[in-house]
């Protein structure tokens, strides 16, 4: 008889310890998932403006080359239409000068176009958005598992016994030891080329 009671108490004690440890584990993983969201928001806040600035510089350089080439071509066409040899020589020199940066770029890089940096920026934007979304999804799933345990029988008795309360779910905290992300880092950066 005592053996049966001792076995039941042992099973209950094991269940209490296992359930308590599961609550603690999920709560710790909840904090870690909040940290990961902060980590991804920081990455987004640091990476995207730098990539955007880099792309703007590249596009500005490319645009300047093509603007100068267009002006030189128009001057050459005007000189040819005028029939003035001096104007044609000047226009030819201007056209040759406009081709110099293009030749330099072609020698170091066979293509002159902003599509590769633009594609890289778009890939980084998509990758960052996916990582933030995945981190949020993890937090949502962990919160749901935790909250189910706080209301489901018999784990709800362990929750009441040790003071485990439902978690609010996805809500980016404004402050706390587990989060050191500023308000500006939580904003989605605007890409303006």
Protein backbone atom coordinates (compact mmCIF):
# COMPACT_ATOMS: atom_id res chain seq x y z
CA UNK A 1 0.00 0.00 0.00
CA UNK A 2 2.77 2.45 0.97
CA UNK A 3 4.62 1.44 -2.13
CA UNK A 4 1.65 2.43 -4.31
CA UNK A 5 1.28 5.78 -2.52
CA UNK A 6 5.04 6.40 -2.80
CA UNK A 7 4.91 5.52 -6.52
CA UNK A 8 2.00 7.92 -7.09
CA UNK A 9 3.79 10.70 -5.18
CA UNK A 10 6.93 10.00 -7.21
CA UNK A 11 5.04 10.19 -10.51
CA UNK A 12 3.32 13.43 -9.43
CA UNK A 13 6.65 14.91 -8.30
CA UNK A 14 8.26 13.97 -11.63
CA UNK A 15 5.33 15.54 -13.49
CA UNK A 16 5.61 18.74 -11.40
CA UNK A 17 9.38 18.98 -12.02
CA UNK A 18 9.02 18.25 -15.74
CA UNK A 19 6.18 20.74 -16.19
CA UNK A 20 7.99 23.41 -14.15
CA UNK A 21 11.12 22.92 -16.26
CA UNK A 22 9.06 23.16 -19.45
CA UNK A 23 7.55 26.46 -18.26
CA UNK A 24 11.00 27.82 -17.43
CA UNK A 25 12.44 26.62 -20.74
CA UNK A 26 9.68 28.20 -22.82
CA UNK A 27 9.88 31.45 -20.84
CA UNK A 28 13.63 31.59 -21.46
CA UNK A 29 13.12 30.89 -25.17
CA UNK A 30 10.49 33.66 -25.25
CA UNK A 31 13.08 36.15 -23.99
CA UNK A 32 15.61 34.84 -26.49
CA UNK A 33 13.13 35.22 -29.36
CA UNK A 34 12.46 38.82 -28.30
CA UNK A 35 16.23 39.40 -28.34
CA UNK A 36 16.40 37.90 -31.83
CA UNK A 37 13.72 40.30 -33.05
CA UNK A 38 15.78 43.15 -31.60
CA UNK A 39 18.89 41.73 -33.25
CA UNK A 40 17.19 41.61 -36.65
CA UNK A 41 15.77 45.13 -36.23
CA UNK A 42 19.27 46.40 -35.42
CA UNK A 43 20.61 44.61 -38.51
CA UNK A 44 17.90 46.22 -40.59
CA UNK A 45 18.54 49.68 -39.13
CA UNK A 46 22.29 49.43 -39.79
CA UNK A 47 22.42 47.56 -43.08
CA UNK A 48 19.71 49.05 -45.25
CA UNK A 49 20.70 52.73 -45.00
CA UNK A 50 24.31 51.79 -45.80
CA UNK A 51 23.30 49.73 -48.82
CA UNK A 52 20.95 52.47 -49.99
CA UNK A 53 23.66 55.13 -49.71
CA UNK A 54 26.09 52.90 -51.59
CA UNK A 55 23.58 52.26 -54.36
CA UNK A 56 22.75 55.97 -54.61
CA UNK A 57 26.45 56.74 -55.09
CA UNK A 58 26.80 54.08 -57.75
CA UNK A 59 23.67 55.22 -59.59
CA UNK A 60 24.75 58.88 -59.37
CA UNK A 61 28.14 58.00 -60.89
CA UNK A 62 26.51 55.99 -63.67
CA UNK A 63 23.94 58.70 -64.38
CA UNK A 64 26.67 61.36 -64.58
CA UNK A 65 28.58 59.31 -67.15
CA UNK A 66 25.52 58.77 -69.33
CA UNK A 67 24.40 62.43 -68.99
CA UNK A 68 27.80 63.62 -70.19
CA UNK A 69 27.78 61.10 -73.03
CA UNK A 70 24.30 62.26 -74.12
CA UNK A 71 25.36 65.93 -74.07
CA UNK A 72 28.51 65.16 -76.07
CA UNK A 73 26.53 63.14 -78.61
CA UNK A 74 24.02 65.99 -79.06
CA UNK A 75 26.88 68.45 -79.50
CA UNK A 76 28.45 66.19 -82.12
CA UNK A 77 25.15 65.84 -84.00
CA UNK A 78 24.70 69.63 -83.91
CA UNK A 79 28.23 70.18 -85.16
CA UNK A 80 27.73 67.73 -88.02
CA UNK A 81 24.46 69.47 -88.96
CA UNK A 82 26.17 72.87 -88.94
CA UNK A 83 28.96 71.69 -91.25
CA UNK A 84 31.51 73.76 -89.25
CA UNK A 85 34.81 71.84 -89.05
CA UNK A 86 35.93 73.63 -85.87
CA UNK A 87 32.67 72.73 -84.10
CA UNK A 88 32.99 69.14 -85.31
CA UNK A 89 36.54 68.89 -83.92
CA UNK A 90 35.41 70.35 -80.56
CA UNK A 91 32.41 68.03 -80.46
CA UNK A 92 34.63 65.06 -81.33
CA UNK A 93 36.98 65.98 -78.47
CA UNK A 94 34.05 66.28 -76.09
CA UNK A 95 32.68 62.92 -77.23
CA UNK A 96 36.09 61.33 -76.78
CA UNK A 97 36.37 62.84 -73.29
CA UNK A 98 32.91 61.48 -72.41
CA UNK A 99 34.00 57.98 -73.45
CA UNK A 100 37.13 58.02 -71.25
CA UNK A 101 35.34 57.17 -67.96
CA UNK A 102 33.30 54.50 -69.72
CA UNK A 103 36.47 52.91 -71.11
CA UNK A 104 38.02 52.94 -67.63
CA UNK A 105 34.94 51.29 -66.16
CA UNK A 106 34.77 48.75 -69.01
CA UNK A 107 38.40 47.80 -68.47
CA UNK A 108 37.85 47.14 -64.76
CA UNK A 109 34.23 45.97 -65.03
CA UNK A 110 32.82 44.73 -68.33
CA UNK A 111 29.32 46.04 -67.61
CA UNK A 112 28.21 49.53 -66.70
CA UNK A 113 24.82 49.22 -65.02
CA UNK A 114 23.27 49.62 -61.59
CA UNK A 115 21.18 46.45 -61.78
CA UNK A 116 23.62 44.29 -59.79
CA UNK A 117 23.79 46.65 -56.77
CA UNK A 118 20.03 47.20 -57.05
CA UNK A 119 19.45 43.45 -57.06
CA UNK A 120 21.75 43.08 -54.05
CA UNK A 121 19.81 45.78 -52.19
CA UNK A 122 16.51 44.10 -53.01
CA UNK A 123 17.88 40.72 -51.89
CA UNK A 124 19.07 42.23 -48.60
CA UNK A 125 15.70 43.93 -48.06
CA UNK A 126 13.88 40.65 -48.68
CA UNK A 127 16.32 38.66 -46.52
CA UNK A 128 16.03 41.11 -43.64
CA UNK A 129 12.24 41.19 -43.85
CA UNK A 130 12.20 37.38 -43.88
CA UNK A 131 14.47 37.19 -40.83
CA UNK A 132 12.34 39.67 -38.88
CA UNK A 133 9.19 37.79 -39.89
CA UNK A 134 10.71 34.45 -38.87
CA UNK A 135 11.78 35.87 -35.49
CA UNK A 136 8.29 37.22 -34.92
CA UNK A 137 6.76 33.90 -35.94
CA UNK A 138 8.98 32.11 -33.42
CA UNK A 139 7.85 34.49 -30.67
CA UNK A 140 4.20 33.99 -31.60
CA UNK A 141 4.55 30.19 -31.57
CA UNK A 142 6.40 30.11 -28.25
CA UNK A 143 3.88 32.46 -26.66
CA UNK A 144 1.01 30.29 -27.88
CA UNK A 145 2.64 27.12 -26.49
CA UNK A 146 3.34 28.82 -23.17
CA UNK A 147 -0.16 30.27 -22.86
CA UNK A 148 -1.77 26.93 -23.71
CA UNK A 149 0.22 25.33 -20.89
CA UNK A 150 -1.02 27.97 -18.42
CA UNK A 151 -4.67 27.12 -19.11
CA UNK A 152 -4.59 23.44 -20.02
CA UNK A 153 -5.22 20.83 -17.34
CA UNK A 154 -3.22 19.68 -15.37
CA UNK A 155 -0.31 21.99 -16.24
CA UNK A 156 -2.46 24.98 -15.22
CA UNK A 157 -2.15 23.80 -11.59
CA UNK A 158 1.64 23.96 -11.86
CA UNK A 159 1.34 27.40 -13.43
CA UNK A 160 -0.82 28.64 -10.55
CA UNK A 161 1.41 26.96 -7.96
CA UNK A 162 4.60 28.64 -9.25
CA UNK A 163 3.03 31.90 -10.46
CA UNK A 164 3.43 31.44 -14.21
CA UNK A 165 1.04 33.86 -15.93
CA UNK A 166 0.06 34.19 -19.57
CA UNK A 167 2.39 36.18 -21.78
CA UNK A 168 0.94 39.02 -23.88
CA UNK A 169 2.26 37.72 -27.21
CA UNK A 170 3.82 39.80 -29.94
CA UNK A 171 4.23 43.33 -28.77
CA UNK A 172 7.61 44.93 -29.22
CA UNK A 173 8.59 46.06 -25.73
CA UNK A 174 9.57 49.68 -25.29
CA UNK A 175 12.07 48.92 -22.54
CA UNK A 176 13.55 46.08 -20.54
CA UNK A 177 16.81 44.32 -19.82
CA UNK A 178 16.37 41.94 -22.74
CA UNK A 179 15.87 44.67 -25.32
CA UNK A 180 18.16 47.51 -26.20
CA UNK A 181 16.72 48.69 -29.49
CA UNK A 182 16.01 52.39 -29.95
CA UNK A 183 12.73 53.73 -31.32
CA UNK A 184 14.38 54.70 -34.61
CA UNK A 185 15.73 51.15 -35.05
CA UNK A 186 12.23 49.71 -34.70
CA UNK A 187 11.01 51.75 -37.67
CA UNK A 188 11.14 50.13 -41.07
CA UNK A 189 13.61 52.15 -43.12
CA UNK A 190 12.35 53.82 -46.26
CA UNK A 191 14.35 53.22 -49.40
CA UNK A 192 14.44 56.41 -51.44
CA UNK A 193 16.62 56.34 -54.51
